Amino acid sequence: MIITTALANEIVARAMAIIHHNVNVIDHHG
């Protein structure tokens, strides 16, 4: 399986979005 740069960037972007969302939820609920 060949992972292209674009695919790698998309994976990172999705992972960061999930992490950012989880942090926001934790902060929101205190």
Protein backbone atom coordinates (compact mmCIF):
# COMPACT_ATOMS: atom_id res chain seq x y z
CA MET A 1 0.00 0.00 0.00
CA ILE A 2 1.38 3.35 -1.04
CA ILE A 3 0.43 6.33 1.11
CA THR A 4 0.61 9.55 -0.87
CA THR A 5 1.44 12.90 0.68
CA ALA A 6 -2.12 14.09 0.10
CA LEU A 7 -3.55 11.03 1.86
CA ALA A 8 -1.13 11.43 4.76
CA ASN A 9 -2.10 15.10 5.10
CA GLU A 10 -5.79 14.18 5.11
CA ILE A 11 -5.23 11.57 7.83
CA VAL A 12 -3.33 14.09 9.95
CA ALA A 13 -6.00 16.74 9.39
CA ARG A 14 -8.77 14.34 10.44
CA ALA A 15 -6.80 13.20 13.50
CA MET A 16 -6.12 16.78 14.58
CA ALA A 17 -9.79 17.70 14.09
CA ILE A 18 -10.85 14.76 16.29
CA ILE A 19 -8.29 15.64 18.97
CA HIS A 20 -9.30 19.32 18.84
CA HIS A 21 -12.97 18.36 19.14
CA ASN A 22 -12.27 16.10 22.13
CA VAL A 23 -10.30 18.88 23.86
CA ASN A 24 -13.17 21.31 23.26
CA VAL A 25 -15.68 18.85 24.74
CA ILE A 26 -13.49 18.30 27.81
CA ASP A 27 -13.05 22.07 28.27
CA HIS A 28 -16.76 22.68 27.74
CA HIS A 29 -17.78 20.17 30.40
CA GLY A 30 -15.04 21.36 32.70
